[in-house]
Amino acid sequence: MNTNIISPKQHSLIDYALTGGLLILPSLLKMNKQAKVIYAIEAAILLPYVALTKQPVAVKGLIPLKVHQKIDPFNIAQFAAQSLLPAFRKNRKELIFNIAFTAVAGLTVLLTDWKK
């Protein structure tokens, strides 16, 4: 049974949605200032990384998809680790959001068909 059900295009669209979520949702959810700043910085780093990966909805395909595939687990580990920072650990809403975000990003990577 093939569990890789997300195409590279779908993966990229999810990445764009997750990046947009990092920019918009912390303010809508009235998160603390530190979490908002951390997420804004992460979005500023992730957006070019997603937009420049060679995939069907790239702005300009400069980063090979295989490189993106190798970097993604480090991004997910970083999101998981930041749950230990006071901005998240000491605030229930921020902690739940960060764990959920990490889970969605992790599932996206695990379920992507990187061979397409």
PDB file of N, CA and C in Angstrom:
ATOM      1  N   MET A   1       0.838  -1.190   0.000  1.00  0.00           N
ATOM      2  CA  MET A   1       0.000   0.000   0.000  1.00  0.00           C
ATOM      3  C   MET A   1       0.882   1.252   0.000  1.00  0.00           C
ATOM      4  N   ASN A   2       0.657   2.134  -0.951  1.00  0.00           N
ATOM      5  CA  ASN A   2       1.430   3.372  -1.070  1.00  0.00           C
ATOM      6  C   ASN A   2       0.846   4.440  -0.149  1.00  0.00           C
ATOM      7  N   THR A   3       1.635   4.877   0.819  1.00  0.00           N
ATOM      8  CA  THR A   3       1.175   5.925   1.734  1.00  0.00           C
ATOM      9  C   THR A   3       1.590   7.305   1.255  1.00  0.00           C
ATOM     10  N   ASN A   4       2.325   7.369   0.172  1.00  0.00           N
ATOM     11  CA  ASN A   4       2.769   8.647  -0.363  1.00  0.00           C
ATOM     12  C   ASN A   4       1.692   9.192  -1.297  1.00  0.00           C
ATOM     13  N   ILE A   5       0.727   9.878  -0.711  1.00  0.00           N
ATOM     14  CA  ILE A   5      -0.466  10.305  -1.444  1.00  0.00           C
ATOM     15  C   ILE A   5      -0.471  11.787  -1.803  1.00  0.00           C
ATOM     16  N   ILE A   6       0.542  12.496  -1.365  1.00  0.00           N
ATOM     17  CA  ILE A   6       0.618  13.936  -1.650  1.00  0.00           C
ATOM     18  C   ILE A   6       1.627  14.153  -2.767  1.00  0.00           C
ATOM     19  N   SER A   7       1.187  14.789  -3.842  1.00  0.00           N
ATOM     20  CA  SER A   7       2.080  15.073  -4.969  1.00  0.00           C
ATOM     21  C   SER A   7       2.991  16.258  -4.609  1.00  0.00           C
ATOM     22  N   PRO A   8       4.087  16.433  -5.347  1.00  0.00           N
ATOM     23  CA  PRO A   8       4.934  17.600  -5.110  1.00  0.00           C
ATOM     24  C   PRO A   8       4.154  18.920  -5.226  1.00  0.00           C
ATOM     25  N   LYS A   9       3.226  18.994  -6.176  1.00  0.00           N
ATOM     26  CA  LYS A   9       2.411  20.205  -6.309  1.00  0.00           C
ATOM     27  C   LYS A   9       1.555  20.418  -5.067  1.00  0.00           C
ATOM     28  N   GLN A  10       0.898  19.367  -4.596  1.00  0.00           N
ATOM     29  CA  GLN A  10       0.087  19.481  -3.390  1.00  0.00           C
ATOM     30  C   GLN A  10       0.953  19.841  -2.185  1.00  0.00           C
ATOM     31  N   HIS A  11       2.129  19.226  -2.107  1.00  0.00           N
ATOM     32  CA  HIS A  11       3.064  19.538  -1.017  1.00  0.00           C
ATOM     33  C   HIS A  11       3.396  21.029  -1.017  1.00  0.00           C
ATOM     34  N   SER A  12       3.679  21.549  -2.197  1.00  0.00           N
ATOM     35  CA  SER A  12       4.022  22.970  -2.309  1.00  0.00           C
ATOM     36  C   SER A  12       2.853  23.863  -1.919  1.00  0.00           C
ATOM     37  N   LEU A  13       1.643  23.505  -2.346  1.00  0.00           N
ATOM     38  CA  LEU A  13       0.467  24.294  -1.982  1.00  0.00           C
ATOM     39  C   LEU A  13       0.237  24.262  -0.466  1.00  0.00           C
ATOM     40  N   ILE A  14       0.467  23.097   0.142  1.00  0.00           N
ATOM     41  CA  ILE A  14       0.357  22.998   1.604  1.00  0.00           C
ATOM     42  C   ILE A  14       1.427  23.862   2.253  1.00  0.00           C
ATOM     43  N   ASP A  15       2.651  23.821   1.717  1.00  0.00           N
ATOM     44  CA  ASP A  15       3.740  24.665   2.257  1.00  0.00           C
ATOM     45  C   ASP A  15       3.373  26.146   2.191  1.00  0.00           C
ATOM     46  N   TYR A  16       2.809  26.577   1.054  1.00  0.00           N
ATOM     47  CA  TYR A  16       2.377  27.979   0.943  1.00  0.00           C
ATOM     48  C   TYR A  16       1.303  28.286   1.989  1.00  0.00           C
ATOM     49  N   ALA A  17       0.358  27.379   2.166  1.00  0.00           N
ATOM     50  CA  ALA A  17      -0.716  27.588   3.149  1.00  0.00           C
ATOM     51  C   ALA A  17      -0.157  27.637   4.570  1.00  0.00           C
ATOM     52  N   LEU A  18       0.772  26.745   4.881  1.00  0.00           N
ATOM     53  CA  LEU A  18       1.380  26.747   6.211  1.00  0.00           C
ATOM     54  C   LEU A  18       2.161  28.042   6.453  1.00  0.00           C
ATOM     55  N   THR A  19       2.888  28.481   5.452  1.00  0.00           N
ATOM     56  CA  THR A  19       3.650  29.726   5.581  1.00  0.00           C
ATOM     57  C   THR A  19       2.705  30.911   5.787  1.00  0.00           C
ATOM     58  N   GLY A  20       1.633  30.961   5.006  1.00  0.00           N
ATOM     59  CA  GLY A  20       0.631  32.012   5.193  1.00  0.00           C
ATOM     60  C   GLY A  20       0.013  31.946   6.576  1.00  0.00           C
ATOM     61  N   GLY A  21      -0.224  30.732   7.040  1.00  0.00           N
ATOM     62  CA  GLY A  21      -0.769  30.553   8.384  1.00  0.00           C
ATOM     63  C   GLY A  21       0.144  31.106   9.457  1.00  0.00           C
ATOM     64  N   LEU A  22       1.456  30.955   9.261  1.00  0.00           N
ATOM     65  CA  LEU A  22       2.417  31.507  10.232  1.00  0.00           C
ATOM     66  C   LEU A  22       2.339  33.026  10.286  1.00  0.00           C
ATOM     67  N   LEU A  23       2.001  33.638   9.169  1.00  0.00           N
ATOM     68  CA  LEU A  23       1.916  35.103   9.122  1.00  0.00           C
ATOM     69  C   LEU A  23       0.590  35.628   9.674  1.00  0.00           C
ATOM     70  N   ILE A  24      -0.493  34.892   9.452  1.00  0.00           N
ATOM     71  CA  ILE A  24      -1.831  35.399   9.757  1.00  0.00           C
ATOM     72  C   ILE A  24      -2.399  34.886  11.084  1.00  0.00           C
ATOM     73  N   LEU A  25      -2.306  33.586  11.310  1.00  0.00           N
ATOM     74  CA  LEU A  25      -2.992  32.979  12.449  1.00  0.00           C
ATOM     75  C   LEU A  25      -2.521  33.458  13.825  1.00  0.00           C
ATOM     76  N   PRO A  26      -1.224  33.670  14.050  1.00  0.00           N
ATOM     77  CA  PRO A  26      -0.827  34.144  15.382  1.00  0.00           C
ATOM     78  C   PRO A  26      -1.515  35.452  15.798  1.00  0.00           C
ATOM     79  N   SER A  27      -1.704  36.369  14.867  1.00  0.00           N
ATOM     80  CA  SER A  27      -2.406  37.616  15.198  1.00  0.00           C
ATOM     81  C   SER A  27      -3.890  37.367  15.410  1.00  0.00           C
ATOM     82  N   LEU A  28      -4.491  36.569  14.526  1.00  0.00           N
ATOM     83  CA  LEU A  28      -5.923  36.268  14.672  1.00  0.00           C
ATOM     84  C   LEU A  28      -6.218  35.554  15.982  1.00  0.00           C
ATOM     85  N   LEU A  29      -5.279  34.715  16.418  1.00  0.00           N
ATOM     86  CA  LEU A  29      -5.454  33.966  17.661  1.00  0.00           C
ATOM     87  C   LEU A  29      -4.970  34.747  18.883  1.00  0.00           C
ATOM     88  N   LYS A  30      -4.511  35.973  18.638  1.00  0.00           N
ATOM     89  CA  LYS A  30      -4.023  36.845  19.715  1.00  0.00           C
ATOM     90  C   LYS A  30      -2.930  36.165  20.568  1.00  0.00           C
ATOM     91  N   MET A  31      -1.949  35.630  19.862  1.00  0.00           N
ATOM     92  CA  MET A  31      -0.816  35.001  20.537  1.00  0.00           C
ATOM     93  C   MET A  31       0.089  36.068  21.135  1.00  0.00           C
ATOM     94  N   ASN A  32       0.983  35.638  22.009  1.00  0.00           N
ATOM     95  CA  ASN A  32       1.915  36.583  22.627  1.00  0.00           C
ATOM     96  C   ASN A  32       2.887  37.130  21.584  1.00  0.00           C
ATOM     97  N   LYS A  33       3.460  38.271  21.903  1.00  0.00           N
ATOM     98  CA  LYS A  33       4.321  38.986  20.949  1.00  0.00           C
ATOM     99  C   LYS A  33       5.525  38.148  20.519  1.00  0.00           C
ATOM    100  N   GLN A  34       6.135  37.427  21.444  1.00  0.00           N
ATOM    101  CA  GLN A  34       7.307  36.617  21.103  1.00  0.00           C
ATOM    102  C   GLN A  34       6.956  35.546  20.073  1.00  0.00           C
ATOM    103  N   ALA A  35       5.836  34.876  20.262  1.00  0.00           N
ATOM    104  CA  ALA A  35       5.420  33.843  19.307  1.00  0.00           C
ATOM    105  C   ALA A  35       5.155  34.469  17.942  1.00  0.00           C
ATOM    106  N   LYS A  36       4.499  35.619  17.926  1.00  0.00           N
ATOM    107  CA  LYS A  36       4.214  36.298  16.650  1.00  0.00           C
ATOM    108  C   LYS A  36       5.503  36.627  15.906  1.00  0.00           C
ATOM    109  N   VAL A  37       6.486  37.136  16.636  1.00  0.00           N
ATOM    110  CA  VAL A  37       7.763  37.501  16.012  1.00  0.00           C
ATOM    111  C   VAL A  37       8.481  36.253  15.486  1.00  0.00           C
ATOM    112  N   ILE A  38       8.514  35.204  16.286  1.00  0.00           N
ATOM    113  CA  ILE A  38       9.171  33.965  15.868  1.00  0.00           C
ATOM    114  C   ILE A  38       8.521  33.429  14.602  1.00  0.00           C
ATOM    115  N   TYR A  39       7.189  33.386  14.586  1.00  0.00           N
ATOM    116  CA  TYR A  39       6.490  32.864  13.412  1.00  0.00           C
ATOM    117  C   TYR A  39       6.684  33.759  12.186  1.00  0.00           C
ATOM    118  N   ALA A  40       6.724  35.069  12.371  1.00  0.00           N
ATOM    119  CA  ALA A  40       6.941  35.973  11.236  1.00  0.00           C
ATOM    120  C   ALA A  40       8.331  35.759  10.632  1.00  0.00           C
ATOM    121  N   ILE A  41       9.325  35.580  11.489  1.00  0.00           N
ATOM    122  CA  ILE A  41      10.686  35.316  11.010  1.00  0.00           C
ATOM    123  C   ILE A  41      10.735  33.985  10.266  1.00  0.00           C
ATOM    124  N   GLU A  42      10.085  32.966  10.830  1.00  0.00           N
ATOM    125  CA  GLU A  42      10.080  31.663  10.176  1.00  0.00           C
ATOM    126  C   GLU A  42       9.377  31.724   8.815  1.00  0.00           C
ATOM    127  N   ALA A  43       8.281  32.453   8.744  1.00  0.00           N
ATOM    128  CA  ALA A  43       7.568  32.599   7.473  1.00  0.00           C
ATOM    129  C   ALA A  43       8.443  33.305   6.447  1.00  0.00           C
ATOM    130  N   ALA A  44       9.189  34.318   6.889  1.00  0.00           N
ATOM    131  CA  ALA A  44      10.078  35.058   5.986  1.00  0.00           C
ATOM    132  C   ALA A  44      11.196  34.164   5.448  1.00  0.00           C
ATOM    133  N   ILE A  45      11.585  33.166   6.220  1.00  0.00           N
ATOM    134  CA  ILE A  45      12.605  32.215   5.772  1.00  0.00           C
ATOM    135  C   ILE A  45      11.978  31.132   4.893  1.00  0.00           C
ATOM    136  N   LEU A  46      10.809  30.641   5.282  1.00  0.00           N
ATOM    137  CA  LEU A  46      10.172  29.536   4.564  1.00  0.00           C
ATOM    138  C   LEU A  46       9.618  29.943   3.203  1.00  0.00           C
ATOM    139  N   LEU A  47       9.064  31.136   3.091  1.00  0.00           N
ATOM    140  CA  LEU A  47       8.434  31.531   1.828  1.00  0.00           C
ATOM    141  C   LEU A  47       9.401  31.471   0.644  1.00  0.00           C
ATOM    142  N   PRO A  48      10.585  32.069   0.736  1.00  0.00           N
ATOM    143  CA  PRO A  48      11.510  31.948  -0.407  1.00  0.00           C
ATOM    144  C   PRO A  48      11.938  30.496  -0.660  1.00  0.00           C
ATOM    145  N   TYR A  49      12.120  29.740   0.400  1.00  0.00           N
ATOM    146  CA  TYR A  49      12.509  28.330   0.287  1.00  0.00           C
ATOM    147  C   TYR A  49      11.450  27.547  -0.483  1.00  0.00           C
ATOM    148  N   VAL A  50      10.182  27.788  -0.195  1.00  0.00           N
ATOM    149  CA  VAL A  50       9.086  27.116  -0.909  1.00  0.00           C
ATOM    150  C   VAL A  50       8.975  27.658  -2.337  1.00  0.00           C
ATOM    151  N   ALA A  51       8.985  28.969  -2.482  1.00  0.00           N
ATOM    152  CA  ALA A  51       8.777  29.604  -3.785  1.00  0.00           C
ATOM    153  C   ALA A  51       9.908  29.309  -4.771  1.00  0.00           C
ATOM    154  N   LEU A  52      11.101  29.002  -4.257  1.00  0.00           N
ATOM    155  CA  LEU A  52      12.246  28.767  -5.125  1.00  0.00           C
ATOM    156  C   LEU A  52      12.564  27.288  -5.339  1.00  0.00           C
ATOM    157  N   THR A  53      11.759  26.408  -4.746  1.00  0.00           N
ATOM    158  CA  THR A  53      11.944  24.966  -4.961  1.00  0.00           C
ATOM    159  C   THR A  53      11.361  24.583  -6.319  1.00  0.00           C
ATOM    160  N   LYS A  54      12.073  23.752  -7.056  1.00  0.00           N
ATOM    161  CA  LYS A  54      11.582  23.276  -8.358  1.00  0.00           C
ATOM    162  C   LYS A  54      10.360  22.391  -8.129  1.00  0.00           C
ATOM    163  N   GLN A  55       9.201  22.954  -8.384  1.00  0.00           N
ATOM    164  CA  GLN A  55       7.924  22.262  -8.250  1.00  0.00           C
ATOM    165  C   GLN A  55       6.910  23.011  -9.104  1.00  0.00           C
ATOM    166  N   PRO A  56       5.755  22.416  -9.381  1.00  0.00           N
ATOM    167  CA  PRO A  56       4.805  22.999 -10.343  1.00  0.00           C
ATOM    168  C   PRO A  56       4.299  24.409 -10.022  1.00  0.00           C
ATOM    169  N   VAL A  57       4.308  24.828  -8.783  1.00  0.00           N
ATOM    170  CA  VAL A  57       3.807  26.170  -8.445  1.00  0.00           C
ATOM    171  C   VAL A  57       4.930  27.065  -7.904  1.00  0.00           C
ATOM    172  N   ALA A  58       6.141  26.810  -8.368  1.00  0.00           N
ATOM    173  CA  ALA A  58       7.296  27.619  -7.954  1.00  0.00           C
ATOM    174  C   ALA A  58       7.240  29.000  -8.599  1.00  0.00           C
ATOM    175  N   VAL A  59       7.762  29.974  -7.895  1.00  0.00           N
ATOM    176  CA  VAL A  59       7.959  31.297  -8.486  1.00  0.00           C
ATOM    177  C   VAL A  59       9.139  31.201  -9.448  1.00  0.00           C
ATOM    178  N   LYS A  60      10.192  30.533  -9.015  1.00  0.00           N
ATOM    179  CA  LYS A  60      11.359  30.255  -9.854  1.00  0.00           C
ATOM    180  C   LYS A  60      12.026  29.006  -9.282  1.00  0.00           C
ATOM    181  N   GLY A  61      12.121  27.967 -10.080  1.00  0.00           N
ATOM    182  CA  GLY A  61      12.657  26.695  -9.609  1.00  0.00           C
ATOM    183  C   GLY A  61      14.164  26.657  -9.552  1.00  0.00           C
ATOM    184  N   LEU A  62      14.723  27.049  -8.429  1.00  0.00           N
ATOM    185  CA  LEU A  62      16.171  27.052  -8.250  1.00  0.00           C
ATOM    186  C   LEU A  62      16.662  25.932  -7.340  1.00  0.00           C
ATOM    187  N   ILE A  63      15.845  25.531  -6.368  1.00  0.00           N
ATOM    188  CA  ILE A  63      16.227  24.518  -5.391  1.00  0.00           C
ATOM    189  C   ILE A  63      15.641  23.177  -5.844  1.00  0.00           C
ATOM    190  N   PRO A  64      16.471  22.167  -6.067  1.00  0.00           N
ATOM    191  CA  PRO A  64      15.931  20.866  -6.469  1.00  0.00           C
ATOM    192  C   PRO A  64      14.977  20.306  -5.404  1.00  0.00           C
ATOM    193  N   LEU A  65      13.950  19.615  -5.857  1.00  0.00           N
ATOM    194  CA  LEU A  65      12.972  19.028  -4.945  1.00  0.00           C
ATOM    195  C   LEU A  65      13.640  18.071  -3.959  1.00  0.00           C
ATOM    196  N   LYS A  66      14.653  17.348  -4.403  1.00  0.00           N
ATOM    197  CA  LYS A  66      15.372  16.415  -3.518  1.00  0.00           C
ATOM    198  C   LYS A  66      16.070  17.164  -2.374  1.00  0.00           C
ATOM    199  N   VAL A  67      16.539  18.365  -2.634  1.00  0.00           N
ATOM    200  CA  VAL A  67      17.152  19.177  -1.578  1.00  0.00           C
ATOM    201  C   VAL A  67      16.067  19.620  -0.596  1.00  0.00           C
ATOM    202  N   HIS A  68      14.926  20.051  -1.125  1.00  0.00           N
ATOM    203  CA  HIS A  68      13.784  20.435  -0.288  1.00  0.00           C
ATOM    204  C   HIS A  68      13.409  19.256   0.617  1.00  0.00           C
ATOM    205  N   GLN A  69      13.367  18.069   0.038  1.00  0.00           N
ATOM    206  CA  GLN A  69      13.018  16.859   0.785  1.00  0.00           C
ATOM    207  C   GLN A  69      13.993  16.626   1.938  1.00  0.00           C
ATOM    208  N   LYS A  70      15.270  16.908   1.718  1.00  0.00           N
ATOM    209  CA  LYS A  70      16.281  16.690   2.756  1.00  0.00           C
ATOM    210  C   LYS A  70      16.250  17.767   3.836  1.00  0.00           C
ATOM    211  N   ILE A  71      15.817  18.966   3.494  1.00  0.00           N
ATOM    212  CA  ILE A  71      15.774  20.073   4.455  1.00  0.00           C
ATOM    213  C   ILE A  71      14.516  20.004   5.329  1.00  0.00           C
ATOM    214  N   ASP A  72      13.404  19.555   4.764  1.00  0.00           N
ATOM    215  CA  ASP A  72      12.128  19.541   5.491  1.00  0.00           C
ATOM    216  C   ASP A  72      12.197  18.892   6.876  1.00  0.00           C
ATOM    217  N   PRO A  73      12.829  17.729   7.051  1.00  0.00           N
ATOM    218  CA  PRO A  73      12.870  17.143   8.403  1.00  0.00           C
ATOM    219  C   PRO A  73      13.555  18.044   9.435  1.00  0.00           C
ATOM    220  N   PHE A  74      14.553  18.810   9.007  1.00  0.00           N
ATOM    221  CA  PHE A  74      15.213  19.733   9.932  1.00  0.00           C
ATOM    222  C   PHE A  74      14.271  20.869  10.325  1.00  0.00           C
ATOM    223  N   ASN A  75      13.485  21.351   9.352  1.00  0.00           N
ATOM    224  CA  ASN A  75      12.493  22.390   9.664  1.00  0.00           C
ATOM    225  C   ASN A  75      11.474  21.874  10.677  1.00  0.00           C
ATOM    226  N   ILE A  76      11.019  20.658  10.476  1.00  0.00           N
ATOM    227  CA  ILE A  76      10.024  20.079  11.381  1.00  0.00           C
ATOM    228  C   ILE A  76      10.623  19.871  12.770  1.00  0.00           C
ATOM    229  N   ALA A  77      11.850  19.397  12.829  1.00  0.00           N
ATOM    230  CA  ALA A  77      12.516  19.225  14.125  1.00  0.00           C
ATOM    231  C   ALA A  77      12.662  20.565  14.840  1.00  0.00           C
ATOM    232  N   GLN A  78      12.954  21.610  14.089  1.00  0.00           N
ATOM    233  CA  GLN A  78      13.080  22.938  14.685  1.00  0.00           C
ATOM    234  C   GLN A  78      11.742  23.406  15.242  1.00  0.00           C
ATOM    235  N   PHE A  79      10.656  23.191  14.491  1.00  0.00           N
ATOM    236  CA  PHE A  79       9.334  23.567  14.989  1.00  0.00           C
ATOM    237  C   PHE A  79       9.000  22.784  16.259  1.00  0.00           C
ATOM    238  N   ALA A  80       9.301  21.499  16.268  1.00  0.00           N
ATOM    239  CA  ALA A  80       9.035  20.684  17.460  1.00  0.00           C
ATOM    240  C   ALA A  80       9.849  21.189  18.647  1.00  0.00           C
ATOM    241  N   ALA A  81      11.114  21.487  18.418  1.00  0.00           N
ATOM    242  CA  ALA A  81      11.994  21.943  19.497  1.00  0.00           C
ATOM    243  C   ALA A  81      11.572  23.300  20.051  1.00  0.00           C
ATOM    244  N   GLN A  82      11.017  24.159  19.218  1.00  0.00           N
ATOM    245  CA  GLN A  82      10.651  25.486  19.722  1.00  0.00           C
ATOM    246  C   GLN A  82       9.479  25.413  20.706  1.00  0.00           C
ATOM    247  N   SER A  83       8.802  24.279  20.779  1.00  0.00           N
ATOM    248  CA  SER A  83       7.758  24.100  21.786  1.00  0.00           C
ATOM    249  C   SER A  83       8.326  24.227  23.198  1.00  0.00           C
ATOM    250  N   LEU A  84       9.636  24.045  23.323  1.00  0.00           N
ATOM    251  CA  LEU A  84      10.289  24.151  24.623  1.00  0.00           C
ATOM    252  C   LEU A  84      10.615  25.599  25.007  1.00  0.00           C
ATOM    253  N   LEU A  85      10.537  26.518  24.047  1.00  0.00           N
ATOM    254  CA  LEU A  85      10.806  27.931  24.349  1.00  0.00           C
ATOM    255  C   LEU A  85       9.696  28.487  25.232  1.00  0.00           C
ATOM    256  N   PRO A  86      10.028  29.405  26.138  1.00  0.00           N
ATOM    257  CA  PRO A  86       9.012  29.978  27.031  1.00  0.00           C
ATOM    258  C   PRO A  86       7.798  30.574  26.306  1.00  0.00           C
ATOM    259  N   ALA A  87       8.008  31.177  25.139  1.00  0.00           N
ATOM    260  CA  ALA A  87       6.895  31.791  24.397  1.00  0.00           C
ATOM    261  C   ALA A  87       5.818  30.766  24.060  1.00  0.00           C
ATOM    262  N   PHE A  88       6.193  29.504  23.970  1.00  0.00           N
ATOM    263  CA  PHE A  88       5.257  28.433  23.636  1.00  0.00           C
ATOM    264  C   PHE A  88       4.947  27.570  24.863  1.00  0.00           C
ATOM    265  N   ARG A  89       5.987  27.147  25.542  1.00  0.00           N
ATOM    266  CA  ARG A  89       5.844  26.220  26.670  1.00  0.00           C
ATOM    267  C   ARG A  89       4.956  26.783  27.772  1.00  0.00           C
ATOM    268  N   LYS A  90       5.033  28.070  27.997  1.00  0.00           N
ATOM    269  CA  LYS A  90       4.297  28.690  29.104  1.00  0.00           C
ATOM    270  C   LYS A  90       2.919  29.217  28.695  1.00  0.00           C
ATOM    271  N   ASN A  91       2.539  28.995  27.450  1.00  0.00           N
ATOM    272  CA  ASN A  91       1.264  29.517  26.942  1.00  0.00           C
ATOM    273  C   ASN A  91       0.530  28.412  26.195  1.00  0.00           C
ATOM    274  N   ARG A  92      -0.579  27.984  26.740  1.00  0.00           N
ATOM    275  CA  ARG A  92      -1.323  26.837  26.212  1.00  0.00           C
ATOM    276  C   ARG A  92      -1.698  27.006  24.731  1.00  0.00           C
ATOM    277  N   LYS A  93      -2.270  28.130  24.378  1.00  0.00           N
ATOM    278  CA  LYS A  93      -2.715  28.366  22.998  1.00  0.00           C
ATOM    279  C   LYS A  93      -1.543  28.264  22.023  1.00  0.00           C
ATOM    280  N   GLU A  94      -0.440  28.907  22.365  1.00  0.00           N
ATOM    281  CA  GLU A  94       0.738  28.898  21.509  1.00  0.00           C
ATOM    282  C   GLU A  94       1.335  27.494  21.406  1.00  0.00           C
ATOM    283  N   LEU A  95       1.347  26.779  22.523  1.00  0.00           N
ATOM    284  CA  LEU A  95       1.895  25.424  22.537  1.00  0.00           C
ATOM    285  C   LEU A  95       1.047  24.487  21.682  1.00  0.00           C
ATOM    286  N   ILE A  96      -0.265  24.546  21.830  1.00  0.00           N
ATOM    287  CA  ILE A  96      -1.150  23.690  21.037  1.00  0.00           C
ATOM    288  C   ILE A  96      -1.011  24.007  19.550  1.00  0.00           C
ATOM    289  N   PHE A  97      -0.976  25.299  19.213  1.00  0.00           N
ATOM    290  CA  PHE A  97      -0.816  25.694  17.814  1.00  0.00           C
ATOM    291  C   PHE A  97       0.502  25.162  17.266  1.00  0.00           C
ATOM    292  N   ASN A  98       1.585  25.313  18.024  1.00  0.00           N
ATOM    293  CA  ASN A  98       2.897  24.879  17.545  1.00  0.00           C
ATOM    294  C   ASN A  98       2.952  23.366  17.352  1.00  0.00           C
ATOM    295  N   ILE A  99       2.371  22.628  18.269  1.00  0.00           N
ATOM    296  CA  ILE A  99       2.341  21.169  18.140  1.00  0.00           C
ATOM    297  C   ILE A  99       1.500  20.767  16.926  1.00  0.00           C
ATOM    298  N   ALA A 100       0.352  21.406  16.744  1.00  0.00           N
ATOM    299  CA  ALA A 100      -0.506  21.099  15.596  1.00  0.00           C
ATOM    300  C   ALA A 100       0.195  21.447  14.282  1.00  0.00           C
ATOM    301  N   PHE A 101       0.848  22.609  14.244  1.00  0.00           N
ATOM    302  CA  PHE A 101       1.572  23.026  13.049  1.00  0.00           C
ATOM    303  C   PHE A 101       2.667  22.010  12.719  1.00  0.00           C
ATOM    304  N   THR A 102       3.408  21.606  13.734  1.00  0.00           N
ATOM    305  CA  THR A 102       4.478  20.627  13.557  1.00  0.00           C
ATOM    306  C   THR A 102       3.920  19.305  13.029  1.00  0.00           C
ATOM    307  N   ALA A 103       2.785  18.881  13.561  1.00  0.00           N
ATOM    308  CA  ALA A 103       2.167  17.624  13.129  1.00  0.00           C
ATOM    309  C   ALA A 103       1.722  17.698  11.670  1.00  0.00           C
ATOM    310  N   VAL A 104       1.085  18.801  11.282  1.00  0.00           N
ATOM    311  CA  VAL A 104       0.625  18.952   9.891  1.00  0.00           C
ATOM    312  C   VAL A 104       1.828  18.973   8.946  1.00  0.00           C
ATOM    313  N   ALA A 105       2.853  19.730   9.306  1.00  0.00           N
ATOM    314  CA  ALA A 105       4.058  19.790   8.464  1.00  0.00           C
ATOM    315  C   ALA A 105       4.716  18.411   8.375  1.00  0.00           C
ATOM    316  N   GLY A 106       4.798  17.716   9.497  1.00  0.00           N
ATOM    317  CA  GLY A 106       5.404  16.389   9.514  1.00  0.00           C
ATOM    318  C   GLY A 106       4.629  15.391   8.668  1.00  0.00           C
ATOM    319  N   LEU A 107       3.313  15.404   8.790  1.00  0.00           N
ATOM    320  CA  LEU A 107       2.489  14.504   7.979  1.00  0.00           C
ATOM    321  C   LEU A 107       2.613  14.826   6.493  1.00  0.00           C
ATOM    322  N   THR A 108       2.706  16.105   6.184  1.00  0.00           N
ATOM    323  CA  THR A 108       2.870  16.507   4.784  1.00  0.00           C
ATOM    324  C   THR A 108       4.144  15.896   4.203  1.00  0.00           C
ATOM    325  N   VAL A 109       5.224  15.958   4.959  1.00  0.00           N
ATOM    326  CA  VAL A 109       6.499  15.395   4.491  1.00  0.00           C
ATOM    327  C   VAL A 109       6.405  13.879   4.378  1.00  0.00           C
ATOM    328  N   LEU A 110       5.848  13.242   5.401  1.00  0.00           N
ATOM    329  CA  LEU A 110       5.761  11.773   5.410  1.00  0.00           C
ATOM    330  C   LEU A 110       4.878  11.232   4.284  1.00  0.00           C
ATOM    331  N   LEU A 111       3.843  11.982   3.920  1.00  0.00           N
ATOM    332  CA  LEU A 111       2.887  11.492   2.933  1.00  0.00           C
ATOM    333  C   LEU A 111       3.173  11.955   1.506  1.00  0.00           C
ATOM    334  N   THR A 112       4.255  12.703   1.331  1.00  0.00           N
ATOM    335  CA  THR A 112       4.589  13.210  -0.012  1.00  0.00           C
ATOM    336  C   THR A 112       5.251  12.131  -0.856  1.00  0.00           C
ATOM    337  N   ASP A 113       4.818  12.066  -2.106  1.00  0.00           N
ATOM    338  CA  ASP A 113       5.448  11.181  -3.088  1.00  0.00           C
ATOM    339  C   ASP A 113       6.582  11.981  -3.745  1.00  0.00           C
ATOM    340  N   TRP A 114       7.762  11.846  -3.217  1.00  0.00           N
ATOM    341  CA  TRP A 114       8.913  12.637  -3.660  1.00  0.00           C
ATOM    342  C   TRP A 114       9.432  12.180  -5.015  1.00  0.00           C
ATOM    343  N   LYS A 115       8.974  11.049  -5.514  1.00  0.00           N
ATOM    344  CA  LYS A 115       9.473  10.516  -6.789  1.00  0.00           C
ATOM    345  C   LYS A 115       8.742  11.070  -7.996  1.00  0.00           C
ATOM    346  N   LYS A 116       7.596  11.713  -7.782  1.00  0.00           N
ATOM    347  CA  LYS A 116       6.819  12.262  -8.908  1.00  0.00           C
ATOM    348  C   LYS A 116       7.519  13.447  -9.515  1.00  0.00           C
TER     349      LYS A 116
END
